[in-house]
Amino acid sequence: MSNSNQQDQINIELDEKTAEGIYSNLAIINHSSSEFVLDFVSIMPGIPKAKVKSRIVLTPQHAKRLLKAIGENIHRFEVAHGEIKDSEQPPIPLNFGPAGQA
């Protein structure tokens, strides 16, 4: 048995809180010459204020690898479950939701 195989493995831990995940229905992406910043936001109907729930900072190289990995995963998903329909929605206004009052 080779030791190099054991040295190449990374032990990744996932605690319970992180395993629950964070819901996001909006991503805001900014970049500089040295990094990409992905802010994940959860906007709820009738609530005019939303907070960034999670921020991920990536090098340009890692951002490009993420793009490729997401593309590959979407392809595998669509092969298994059918095409994901890209509904053309207008930009979400901050006050989206029912306008009527009960």
PDB file of N, CA and C in Angstrom:
ATOM      1  N   MET A   1       0.848  -1.191   0.000  1.00  0.00           N
ATOM      2  CA  MET A   1       0.000   0.000   0.000  1.00  0.00           C
ATOM      3  C   MET A   1       0.878   1.234   0.000  1.00  0.00           C
ATOM      4  N   SER A   2       0.575   2.172  -0.835  1.00  0.00           N
ATOM      5  CA  SER A   2       1.392   3.375  -0.991  1.00  0.00           C
ATOM      6  C   SER A   2       0.967   4.444   0.010  1.00  0.00           C
ATOM      7  N   ASN A   3       1.941   5.113   0.625  1.00  0.00           N
ATOM      8  CA  ASN A   3       1.655   6.207   1.546  1.00  0.00           C
ATOM      9  C   ASN A   3       1.221   7.463   0.806  1.00  0.00           C
ATOM     10  N   SER A   4       1.639   7.630  -0.441  1.00  0.00           N
ATOM     11  CA  SER A   4       1.291   8.835  -1.177  1.00  0.00           C
ATOM     12  C   SER A   4      -0.221   8.942  -1.383  1.00  0.00           C
ATOM     13  N   ASN A   5      -0.890   7.785  -1.505  1.00  0.00           N
ATOM     14  CA  ASN A   5      -2.335   7.795  -1.667  1.00  0.00           C
ATOM     15  C   ASN A   5      -3.013   8.358  -0.428  1.00  0.00           C
ATOM     16  N   GLN A   6      -2.530   7.996   0.767  1.00  0.00           N
ATOM     17  CA  GLN A   6      -3.097   8.512   2.001  1.00  0.00           C
ATOM     18  C   GLN A   6      -2.792   9.997   2.159  1.00  0.00           C
ATOM     19  N   GLN A   7      -1.627  10.435   1.720  1.00  0.00           N
ATOM     20  CA  GLN A   7      -1.245  11.835   1.849  1.00  0.00           C
ATOM     21  C   GLN A   7      -2.055  12.727   0.906  1.00  0.00           C
ATOM     22  N   ASP A   8      -2.542  12.177  -0.206  1.00  0.00           N
ATOM     23  CA  ASP A   8      -3.302  12.954  -1.173  1.00  0.00           C
ATOM     24  C   ASP A   8      -4.759  13.158  -0.749  1.00  0.00           C
ATOM     25  N   GLN A   9      -5.220  12.427   0.265  1.00  0.00           N
ATOM     26  CA  GLN A   9      -6.600  12.538   0.704  1.00  0.00           C
ATOM     27  C   GLN A   9      -6.768  13.718   1.652  1.00  0.00           C
ATOM     28  N   ILE A  10      -7.918  14.374   1.546  1.00  0.00           N
ATOM     29  CA  ILE A  10      -8.244  15.486   2.432  1.00  0.00           C
ATOM     30  C   ILE A  10      -9.435  15.056   3.276  1.00  0.00           C
ATOM     31  N   ASN A  11      -9.319  15.225   4.579  1.00  0.00           N
ATOM     32  CA  ASN A  11     -10.412  14.902   5.484  1.00  0.00           C
ATOM     33  C   ASN A  11     -11.280  16.146   5.628  1.00  0.00           C
ATOM     34  N   ILE A  12     -12.493  16.098   5.094  1.00  0.00           N
ATOM     35  CA  ILE A  12     -13.399  17.243   5.125  1.00  0.00           C
ATOM     36  C   ILE A  12     -14.485  16.960   6.149  1.00  0.00           C
ATOM     37  N   GLU A  13     -14.633  17.871   7.112  1.00  0.00           N
ATOM     38  CA  GLU A  13     -15.649  17.721   8.141  1.00  0.00           C
ATOM     39  C   GLU A  13     -16.830  18.638   7.840  1.00  0.00           C
ATOM     40  N   LEU A  14     -18.018  18.173   8.192  1.00  0.00           N
ATOM     41  CA  LEU A  14     -19.243  18.937   7.977  1.00  0.00           C
ATOM     42  C   LEU A  14     -20.044  18.900   9.270  1.00  0.00           C
ATOM     43  N   ASP A  15     -20.067  20.025   9.994  1.00  0.00           N
ATOM     44  CA  ASP A  15     -20.817  20.043  11.247  1.00  0.00           C
ATOM     45  C   ASP A  15     -22.316  20.155  10.965  1.00  0.00           C
ATOM     46  N   GLU A  16     -23.130  19.914  11.999  1.00  0.00           N
ATOM     47  CA  GLU A  16     -24.581  19.869  11.817  1.00  0.00           C
ATOM     48  C   GLU A  16     -25.155  21.183  11.317  1.00  0.00           C
ATOM     49  N   LYS A  17     -24.712  22.295  11.864  1.00  0.00           N
ATOM     50  CA  LYS A  17     -25.247  23.608  11.463  1.00  0.00           C
ATOM     51  C   LYS A  17     -24.960  23.876   9.986  1.00  0.00           C
ATOM     52  N   THR A  18     -23.747  23.615   9.551  1.00  0.00           N
ATOM     53  CA  THR A  18     -23.385  23.827   8.153  1.00  0.00           C
ATOM     54  C   THR A  18     -24.128  22.845   7.245  1.00  0.00           C
ATOM     55  N   ALA A  19     -24.344  21.621   7.720  1.00  0.00           N
ATOM     56  CA  ALA A  19     -25.027  20.601   6.914  1.00  0.00           C
ATOM     57  C   ALA A  19     -26.480  20.986   6.623  1.00  0.00           C
ATOM     58  N   GLU A  20     -27.085  21.824   7.473  1.00  0.00           N
ATOM     59  CA  GLU A  20     -28.465  22.267   7.232  1.00  0.00           C
ATOM     60  C   GLU A  20     -28.558  23.126   5.981  1.00  0.00           C
ATOM     61  N   GLY A  21     -27.484  23.826   5.643  1.00  0.00           N
ATOM     62  CA  GLY A  21     -27.476  24.678   4.460  1.00  0.00           C
ATOM     63  C   GLY A  21     -28.177  25.996   4.697  1.00  0.00           C
ATOM     64  N   ILE A  22     -28.058  26.886   3.740  1.00  0.00           N
ATOM     65  CA  ILE A  22     -28.692  28.200   3.785  1.00  0.00           C
ATOM     66  C   ILE A  22     -29.431  28.383   2.473  1.00  0.00           C
ATOM     67  N   TYR A  23     -30.720  28.707   2.551  1.00  0.00           N
ATOM     68  CA  TYR A  23     -31.512  28.919   1.346  1.00  0.00           C
ATOM     69  C   TYR A  23     -31.155  30.262   0.721  1.00  0.00           C
ATOM     70  N   SER A  24     -31.011  30.267  -0.588  1.00  0.00           N
ATOM     71  CA  SER A  24     -30.736  31.501  -1.318  1.00  0.00           C
ATOM     72  C   SER A  24     -31.509  31.483  -2.621  1.00  0.00           C
ATOM     73  N   ASN A  25     -32.145  32.626  -2.948  1.00  0.00           N
ATOM     74  CA  ASN A  25     -32.820  32.735  -4.237  1.00  0.00           C
ATOM     75  C   ASN A  25     -32.294  33.922  -5.038  1.00  0.00           C
ATOM     76  N   LEU A  26     -31.152  34.442  -4.588  1.00  0.00           N
ATOM     77  CA  LEU A  26     -30.489  35.523  -5.309  1.00  0.00           C
ATOM     78  C   LEU A  26     -28.992  35.456  -5.025  1.00  0.00           C
ATOM     79  N   ALA A  27     -28.194  35.535  -6.065  1.00  0.00           N
ATOM     80  CA  ALA A  27     -26.741  35.594  -5.906  1.00  0.00           C
ATOM     81  C   ALA A  27     -26.241  36.872  -6.562  1.00  0.00           C
ATOM     82  N   ILE A  28     -25.394  37.577  -5.851  1.00  0.00           N
ATOM     83  CA  ILE A  28     -24.776  38.792  -6.379  1.00  0.00           C
ATOM     84  C   ILE A  28     -23.290  38.501  -6.510  1.00  0.00           C
ATOM     85  N   ILE A  29     -22.753  38.716  -7.696  1.00  0.00           N
ATOM     86  CA  ILE A  29     -21.355  38.379  -7.958  1.00  0.00           C
ATOM     87  C   ILE A  29     -20.586  39.636  -8.340  1.00  0.00           C
ATOM     88  N   ASN A  30     -19.496  39.865  -7.630  1.00  0.00           N
ATOM     89  CA  ASN A  30     -18.591  40.973  -7.935  1.00  0.00           C
ATOM     90  C   ASN A  30     -17.187  40.400  -8.070  1.00  0.00           C
ATOM     91  N   HIS A  31     -16.307  41.162  -8.721  1.00  0.00           N
ATOM     92  CA  HIS A  31     -14.927  40.677  -8.838  1.00  0.00           C
ATOM     93  C   HIS A  31     -13.953  41.839  -8.906  1.00  0.00           C
ATOM     94  N   SER A  32     -12.737  41.528  -8.505  1.00  0.00           N
ATOM     95  CA  SER A  32     -11.620  42.447  -8.670  1.00  0.00           C
ATOM     96  C   SER A  32     -10.587  41.704  -9.513  1.00  0.00           C
ATOM     97  N   SER A  33      -9.402  42.256  -9.612  1.00  0.00           N
ATOM     98  CA  SER A  33      -8.373  41.579 -10.401  1.00  0.00           C
ATOM     99  C   SER A  33      -7.855  40.325  -9.703  1.00  0.00           C
ATOM    100  N   SER A  34      -8.126  40.178  -8.403  1.00  0.00           N
ATOM    101  CA  SER A  34      -7.560  39.052  -7.670  1.00  0.00           C
ATOM    102  C   SER A  34      -8.577  38.120  -7.029  1.00  0.00           C
ATOM    103  N   GLU A  35      -9.880  38.489  -7.047  1.00  0.00           N
ATOM    104  CA  GLU A  35     -10.846  37.628  -6.388  1.00  0.00           C
ATOM    105  C   GLU A  35     -12.257  37.829  -6.934  1.00  0.00           C
ATOM    106  N   PHE A  36     -13.074  36.785  -6.767  1.00  0.00           N
ATOM    107  CA  PHE A  36     -14.504  36.837  -7.044  1.00  0.00           C
ATOM    108  C   PHE A  36     -15.223  36.749  -5.710  1.00  0.00           C
ATOM    109  N   VAL A  37     -16.247  37.589  -5.536  1.00  0.00           N
ATOM    110  CA  VAL A  37     -17.028  37.583  -4.308  1.00  0.00           C
ATOM    111  C   VAL A  37     -18.461  37.209  -4.665  1.00  0.00           C
ATOM    112  N   LEU A  38     -18.950  36.111  -4.081  1.00  0.00           N
ATOM    113  CA  LEU A  38     -20.308  35.640  -4.313  1.00  0.00           C
ATOM    114  C   LEU A  38     -21.101  35.861  -3.037  1.00  0.00           C
ATOM    115  N   ASP A  39     -22.100  36.726  -3.096  1.00  0.00           N
ATOM    116  CA  ASP A  39     -22.988  36.976  -1.970  1.00  0.00           C
ATOM    117  C   ASP A  39     -24.306  36.261  -2.241  1.00  0.00           C
ATOM    118  N   PHE A  40     -24.739  35.431  -1.303  1.00  0.00           N
ATOM    119  CA  PHE A  40     -25.984  34.690  -1.432  1.00  0.00           C
ATOM    120  C   PHE A  40     -27.022  35.320  -0.511  1.00  0.00           C
ATOM    121  N   VAL A  41     -28.177  35.663  -1.099  1.00  0.00           N
ATOM    122  CA  VAL A  41     -29.221  36.412  -0.415  1.00  0.00           C
ATOM    123  C   VAL A  41     -30.516  35.600  -0.479  1.00  0.00           C
ATOM    124  N   SER A  42     -31.344  35.754   0.552  1.00  0.00           N
ATOM    125  CA  SER A  42     -32.672  35.160   0.565  1.00  0.00           C
ATOM    126  C   SER A  42     -33.693  36.285   0.627  1.00  0.00           C
ATOM    127  N   ILE A  43     -34.440  36.458  -0.482  1.00  0.00           N
ATOM    128  CA  ILE A  43     -35.470  37.497  -0.558  1.00  0.00           C
ATOM    129  C   ILE A  43     -36.817  36.824  -0.344  1.00  0.00           C
ATOM    130  N   MET A  44     -37.634  37.381   0.548  1.00  0.00           N
ATOM    131  CA  MET A  44     -38.949  36.822   0.839  1.00  0.00           C
ATOM    132  C   MET A  44     -40.045  37.794   0.400  1.00  0.00           C
ATOM    133  N   PRO A  45     -41.151  37.263  -0.099  1.00  0.00           N
ATOM    134  CA  PRO A  45     -42.264  38.108  -0.551  1.00  0.00           C
ATOM    135  C   PRO A  45     -42.765  39.023   0.561  1.00  0.00           C
ATOM    136  N   GLY A  46     -43.021  40.281   0.201  1.00  0.00           N
ATOM    137  CA  GLY A  46     -43.585  41.227   1.139  1.00  0.00           C
ATOM    138  C   GLY A  46     -42.603  41.817   2.136  1.00  0.00           C
ATOM    139  N   ILE A  47     -41.365  41.384   2.094  1.00  0.00           N
ATOM    140  CA  ILE A  47     -40.350  41.918   3.014  1.00  0.00           C
ATOM    141  C   ILE A  47     -39.365  42.736   2.185  1.00  0.00           C
ATOM    142  N   PRO A  48     -39.344  44.056   2.376  1.00  0.00           N
ATOM    143  CA  PRO A  48     -38.545  44.925   1.508  1.00  0.00           C
ATOM    144  C   PRO A  48     -37.043  44.891   1.796  1.00  0.00           C
ATOM    145  N   LYS A  49     -36.633  44.205   2.837  1.00  0.00           N
ATOM    146  CA  LYS A  49     -35.214  44.184   3.199  1.00  0.00           C
ATOM    147  C   LYS A  49     -34.708  42.750   3.177  1.00  0.00           C
ATOM    148  N   ALA A  50     -33.539  42.562   2.635  1.00  0.00           N
ATOM    149  CA  ALA A  50     -32.935  41.233   2.594  1.00  0.00           C
ATOM    150  C   ALA A  50     -31.485  41.349   3.021  1.00  0.00           C
ATOM    151  N   LYS A  51     -30.986  40.326   3.685  1.00  0.00           N
ATOM    152  CA  LYS A  51     -29.603  40.316   4.148  1.00  0.00           C
ATOM    153  C   LYS A  51     -28.807  39.279   3.376  1.00  0.00           C
ATOM    154  N   VAL A  52     -27.519  39.558   3.236  1.00  0.00           N
ATOM    155  CA  VAL A  52     -26.617  38.551   2.693  1.00  0.00           C
ATOM    156  C   VAL A  52     -26.526  37.443   3.733  1.00  0.00           C
ATOM    157  N   LYS A  53     -26.840  36.222   3.327  1.00  0.00           N
ATOM    158  CA  LYS A  53     -26.820  35.077   4.233  1.00  0.00           C
ATOM    159  C   LYS A  53     -25.463  34.389   4.253  1.00  0.00           C
ATOM    160  N   SER A  54     -24.729  34.504   3.138  1.00  0.00           N
ATOM    161  CA  SER A  54     -23.426  33.854   3.055  1.00  0.00           C
ATOM    162  C   SER A  54     -22.588  34.566   1.999  1.00  0.00           C
ATOM    163  N   ARG A  55     -21.304  34.698   2.250  1.00  0.00           N
ATOM    164  CA  ARG A  55     -20.379  35.295   1.289  1.00  0.00           C
ATOM    165  C   ARG A  55     -19.235  34.312   1.073  1.00  0.00           C
ATOM    166  N   ILE A  56     -18.953  34.038  -0.187  1.00  0.00           N
ATOM    167  CA  ILE A  56     -17.850  33.160  -0.561  1.00  0.00           C
ATOM    168  C   ILE A  56     -16.879  33.979  -1.398  1.00  0.00           C
ATOM    169  N   VAL A  57     -15.602  33.940  -1.038  1.00  0.00           N
ATOM    170  CA  VAL A  57     -14.569  34.663  -1.776  1.00  0.00           C
ATOM    171  C   VAL A  57     -13.668  33.617  -2.442  1.00  0.00           C
ATOM    172  N   LEU A  58     -13.486  33.752  -3.757  1.00  0.00           N
ATOM    173  CA  LEU A  58     -12.721  32.788  -4.548  1.00  0.00           C
ATOM    174  C   LEU A  58     -11.636  33.478  -5.357  1.00  0.00           C
ATOM    175  N   THR A  59     -10.550  32.766  -5.612  1.00  0.00           N
ATOM    176  CA  THR A  59      -9.581  33.259  -6.580  1.00  0.00           C
ATOM    177  C   THR A  59     -10.206  33.116  -7.969  1.00  0.00           C
ATOM    178  N   PRO A  60      -9.727  33.857  -8.967  1.00  0.00           N
ATOM    179  CA  PRO A  60     -10.278  33.688 -10.323  1.00  0.00           C
ATOM    180  C   PRO A  60     -10.173  32.242 -10.821  1.00  0.00           C
ATOM    181  N   GLN A  61      -9.089  31.559 -10.479  1.00  0.00           N
ATOM    182  CA  GLN A  61      -8.916  30.165 -10.904  1.00  0.00           C
ATOM    183  C   GLN A  61      -9.978  29.260 -10.273  1.00  0.00           C
ATOM    184  N   HIS A  62     -10.245  29.461  -8.981  1.00  0.00           N
ATOM    185  CA  HIS A  62     -11.265  28.647  -8.325  1.00  0.00           C
ATOM    186  C   HIS A  62     -12.665  28.996  -8.838  1.00  0.00           C
ATOM    187  N   ALA A  63     -12.904  30.264  -9.157  1.00  0.00           N
ATOM    188  CA  ALA A  63     -14.197  30.664  -9.714  1.00  0.00           C
ATOM    189  C   ALA A  63     -14.432  29.956 -11.048  1.00  0.00           C
ATOM    190  N   LYS A  64     -13.404  29.866 -11.862  1.00  0.00           N
ATOM    191  CA  LYS A  64     -13.542  29.202 -13.155  1.00  0.00           C
ATOM    192  C   LYS A  64     -13.768  27.700 -12.970  1.00  0.00           C
ATOM    193  N   ARG A  65     -13.086  27.094 -11.998  1.00  0.00           N
ATOM    194  CA  ARG A  65     -13.307  25.671 -11.707  1.00  0.00           C
ATOM    195  C   ARG A  65     -14.732  25.446 -11.198  1.00  0.00           C
ATOM    196  N   LEU A  66     -15.248  26.379 -10.382  1.00  0.00           N
ATOM    197  CA  LEU A  66     -16.614  26.272  -9.883  1.00  0.00           C
ATOM    198  C   LEU A  66     -17.605  26.341 -11.042  1.00  0.00           C
ATOM    199  N   LEU A  67     -17.396  27.272 -11.965  1.00  0.00           N
ATOM    200  CA  LEU A  67     -18.259  27.387 -13.139  1.00  0.00           C
ATOM    201  C   LEU A  67     -18.296  26.067 -13.909  1.00  0.00           C
ATOM    202  N   LYS A  68     -17.129  25.470 -14.122  1.00  0.00           N
ATOM    203  CA  LYS A  68     -17.042  24.202 -14.855  1.00  0.00           C
ATOM    204  C   LYS A  68     -17.743  23.084 -14.081  1.00  0.00           C
ATOM    205  N   ALA A  69     -17.526  23.019 -12.768  1.00  0.00           N
ATOM    206  CA  ALA A  69     -18.139  21.965 -11.954  1.00  0.00           C
ATOM    207  C   ALA A  69     -19.658  22.103 -11.924  1.00  0.00           C
ATOM    208  N   ILE A  70     -20.161  23.335 -11.811  1.00  0.00           N
ATOM    209  CA  ILE A  70     -21.614  23.542 -11.821  1.00  0.00           C
ATOM    210  C   ILE A  70     -22.183  23.142 -13.187  1.00  0.00           C
ATOM    211  N   GLY A  71     -21.503  23.526 -14.274  1.00  0.00           N
ATOM    212  CA  GLY A  71     -21.953  23.146 -15.615  1.00  0.00           C
ATOM    213  C   GLY A  71     -22.027  21.638 -15.785  1.00  0.00           C
ATOM    214  N   GLU A  72     -21.009  20.931 -15.305  1.00  0.00           N
ATOM    215  CA  GLU A  72     -21.001  19.467 -15.406  1.00  0.00           C
ATOM    216  C   GLU A  72     -22.131  18.857 -14.587  1.00  0.00           C
ATOM    217  N   ASN A  73     -22.381  19.394 -13.407  1.00  0.00           N
ATOM    218  CA  ASN A  73     -23.443  18.870 -12.553  1.00  0.00           C
ATOM    219  C   ASN A  73     -24.822  19.160 -13.130  1.00  0.00           C
ATOM    220  N   ILE A  74     -25.009  20.330 -13.719  1.00  0.00           N
ATOM    221  CA  ILE A  74     -26.286  20.636 -14.372  1.00  0.00           C
ATOM    222  C   ILE A  74     -26.514  19.674 -15.539  1.00  0.00           C
ATOM    223  N   HIS A  75     -25.474  19.408 -16.309  1.00  0.00           N
ATOM    224  CA  HIS A  75     -25.593  18.459 -17.423  1.00  0.00           C
ATOM    225  C   HIS A  75     -26.029  17.084 -16.915  1.00  0.00           C
ATOM    226  N   ARG A  76     -25.375  16.581 -15.858  1.00  0.00           N
ATOM    227  CA  ARG A  76     -25.736  15.267 -15.300  1.00  0.00           C
ATOM    228  C   ARG A  76     -27.171  15.267 -14.764  1.00  0.00           C
ATOM    229  N   PHE A  77     -27.569  16.363 -14.113  1.00  0.00           N
ATOM    230  CA  PHE A  77     -28.934  16.481 -13.599  1.00  0.00           C
ATOM    231  C   PHE A  77     -29.931  16.400 -14.742  1.00  0.00           C
ATOM    232  N   GLU A  78     -29.681  17.149 -15.825  1.00  0.00           N
ATOM    233  CA  GLU A  78     -30.617  17.186 -16.949  1.00  0.00           C
ATOM    234  C   GLU A  78     -30.680  15.846 -17.675  1.00  0.00           C
ATOM    235  N   VAL A  79     -29.566  15.128 -17.726  1.00  0.00           N
ATOM    236  CA  VAL A  79     -29.592  13.788 -18.324  1.00  0.00           C
ATOM    237  C   VAL A  79     -30.498  12.877 -17.504  1.00  0.00           C
ATOM    238  N   ALA A  80     -30.437  13.006 -16.188  1.00  0.00           N
ATOM    239  CA  ALA A  80     -31.225  12.141 -15.303  1.00  0.00           C
ATOM    240  C   ALA A  80     -32.675  12.596 -15.164  1.00  0.00           C
ATOM    241  N   HIS A  81     -32.928  13.905 -15.176  1.00  0.00           N
ATOM    242  CA  HIS A  81     -34.252  14.417 -14.817  1.00  0.00           C
ATOM    243  C   HIS A  81     -34.923  15.280 -15.890  1.00  0.00           C
ATOM    244  N   GLY A  82     -34.260  15.526 -16.985  1.00  0.00           N
ATOM    245  CA  GLY A  82     -34.825  16.384 -18.023  1.00  0.00           C
ATOM    246  C   GLY A  82     -34.309  17.810 -17.910  1.00  0.00           C
ATOM    247  N   GLU A  83     -34.568  18.551 -18.972  1.00  0.00           N
ATOM    248  CA  GLU A  83     -34.058  19.919 -19.063  1.00  0.00           C
ATOM    249  C   GLU A  83     -34.625  20.819 -17.974  1.00  0.00           C
ATOM    250  N   ILE A  84     -33.773  21.624 -17.383  1.00  0.00           N
ATOM    251  CA  ILE A  84     -34.193  22.644 -16.436  1.00  0.00           C
ATOM    252  C   ILE A  84     -34.688  23.818 -17.258  1.00  0.00           C
ATOM    253  N   LYS A  85     -35.945  24.184 -17.067  1.00  0.00           N
ATOM    254  CA  LYS A  85     -36.503  25.300 -17.816  1.00  0.00           C
ATOM    255  C   LYS A  85     -36.000  26.607 -17.233  1.00  0.00           C
ATOM    256  N   ASP A  86     -35.488  27.466 -18.100  1.00  0.00           N
ATOM    257  CA  ASP A  86     -34.982  28.773 -17.680  1.00  0.00           C
ATOM    258  C   ASP A  86     -36.090  29.780 -17.911  1.00  0.00           C
ATOM    259  N   SER A  87     -36.966  29.927 -16.917  1.00  0.00           N
ATOM    260  CA  SER A  87     -38.074  30.856 -17.081  1.00  0.00           C
ATOM    261  C   SER A  87     -37.541  32.274 -17.079  1.00  0.00           C
ATOM    262  N   GLU A  88     -38.010  33.040 -18.034  1.00  0.00           N
ATOM    263  CA  GLU A  88     -37.561  34.429 -18.126  1.00  0.00           C
ATOM    264  C   GLU A  88     -38.372  35.269 -17.168  1.00  0.00           C
ATOM    265  N   GLN A  89     -37.755  35.588 -16.042  1.00  0.00           N
ATOM    266  CA  GLN A  89     -38.415  36.405 -15.045  1.00  0.00           C
ATOM    267  C   GLN A  89     -37.777  37.781 -15.045  1.00  0.00           C
ATOM    268  N   PRO A  90     -38.594  38.809 -14.877  1.00  0.00           N
ATOM    269  CA  PRO A  90     -38.016  40.145 -14.757  1.00  0.00           C
ATOM    270  C   PRO A  90     -37.229  40.233 -13.451  1.00  0.00           C
ATOM    271  N   PRO A  91     -36.352  41.212 -13.326  1.00  0.00           N
ATOM    272  CA  PRO A  91     -35.618  41.367 -12.074  1.00  0.00           C
ATOM    273  C   PRO A  91     -36.591  41.468 -10.902  1.00  0.00           C
ATOM    274  N   ILE A  92     -36.220  40.855  -9.795  1.00  0.00           N
ATOM    275  CA  ILE A  92     -37.100  40.827  -8.626  1.00  0.00           C
ATOM    276  C   ILE A  92     -37.098  42.196  -7.955  1.00  0.00           C
ATOM    277  N   PRO A  93     -38.259  42.864  -7.920  1.00  0.00           N
ATOM    278  CA  PRO A  93     -38.298  44.140  -7.195  1.00  0.00           C
ATOM    279  C   PRO A  93     -38.235  43.866  -5.700  1.00  0.00           C
ATOM    280  N   LEU A  94     -37.754  44.828  -4.939  1.00  0.00           N
ATOM    281  CA  LEU A  94     -37.608  44.621  -3.504  1.00  0.00           C
ATOM    282  C   LEU A  94     -38.944  44.434  -2.806  1.00  0.00           C
ATOM    283  N   ASN A  95     -40.036  44.880  -3.425  1.00  0.00           N
ATOM    284  CA  ASN A  95     -41.342  44.732  -2.789  1.00  0.00           C
ATOM    285  C   ASN A  95     -42.206  43.693  -3.515  1.00  0.00           C
ATOM    286  N   PHE A  96     -41.559  42.640  -4.069  1.00  0.00           N
ATOM    287  CA  PHE A  96     -42.340  41.671  -4.826  1.00  0.00           C
ATOM    288  C   PHE A  96     -43.265  40.894  -3.877  1.00  0.00           C
ATOM    289  N   GLY A  97     -44.326  40.379  -4.439  1.00  0.00           N
ATOM    290  CA  GLY A  97     -45.313  39.635  -3.648  1.00  0.00           C
ATOM    291  C   GLY A  97     -46.689  40.215  -3.908  1.00  0.00           C
ATOM    292  N   PRO A  98     -47.702  39.634  -3.275  1.00  0.00           N
ATOM    293  CA  PRO A  98     -49.073  40.113  -3.497  1.00  0.00           C
ATOM    294  C   PRO A  98     -49.217  41.575  -3.099  1.00  0.00           C
ATOM    295  N   ALA A  99     -49.927  42.337  -3.928  1.00  0.00           N
ATOM    296  CA  ALA A  99     -50.120  43.759  -3.632  1.00  0.00           C
ATOM    297  C   ALA A  99     -51.390  43.995  -2.842  1.00  0.00           C
ATOM    298  N   GLY A 100     -52.294  43.029  -2.847  1.00  0.00           N
ATOM    299  CA  GLY A 100     -53.569  43.196  -2.158  1.00  0.00           C
ATOM    300  C   GLY A 100     -53.430  43.102  -0.641  1.00  0.00           C
ATOM    301  N   GLN A 101     -54.417  43.579   0.046  1.00  0.00           N
ATOM    302  CA  GLN A 101     -54.435  43.501   1.502  1.00  0.00           C
ATOM    303  C   GLN A 101     -55.632  42.682   1.931  1.00  0.00           C
ATOM    304  N   ALA A 102     -55.454  41.945   3.013  1.00  0.00           N
ATOM    305  CA  ALA A 102     -56.562  41.102   3.524  1.00  0.00           C
ATOM    306  C   ALA A 102     -57.274  41.819   4.649  1.00  0.00           C
TER     307      ALA A 102
END
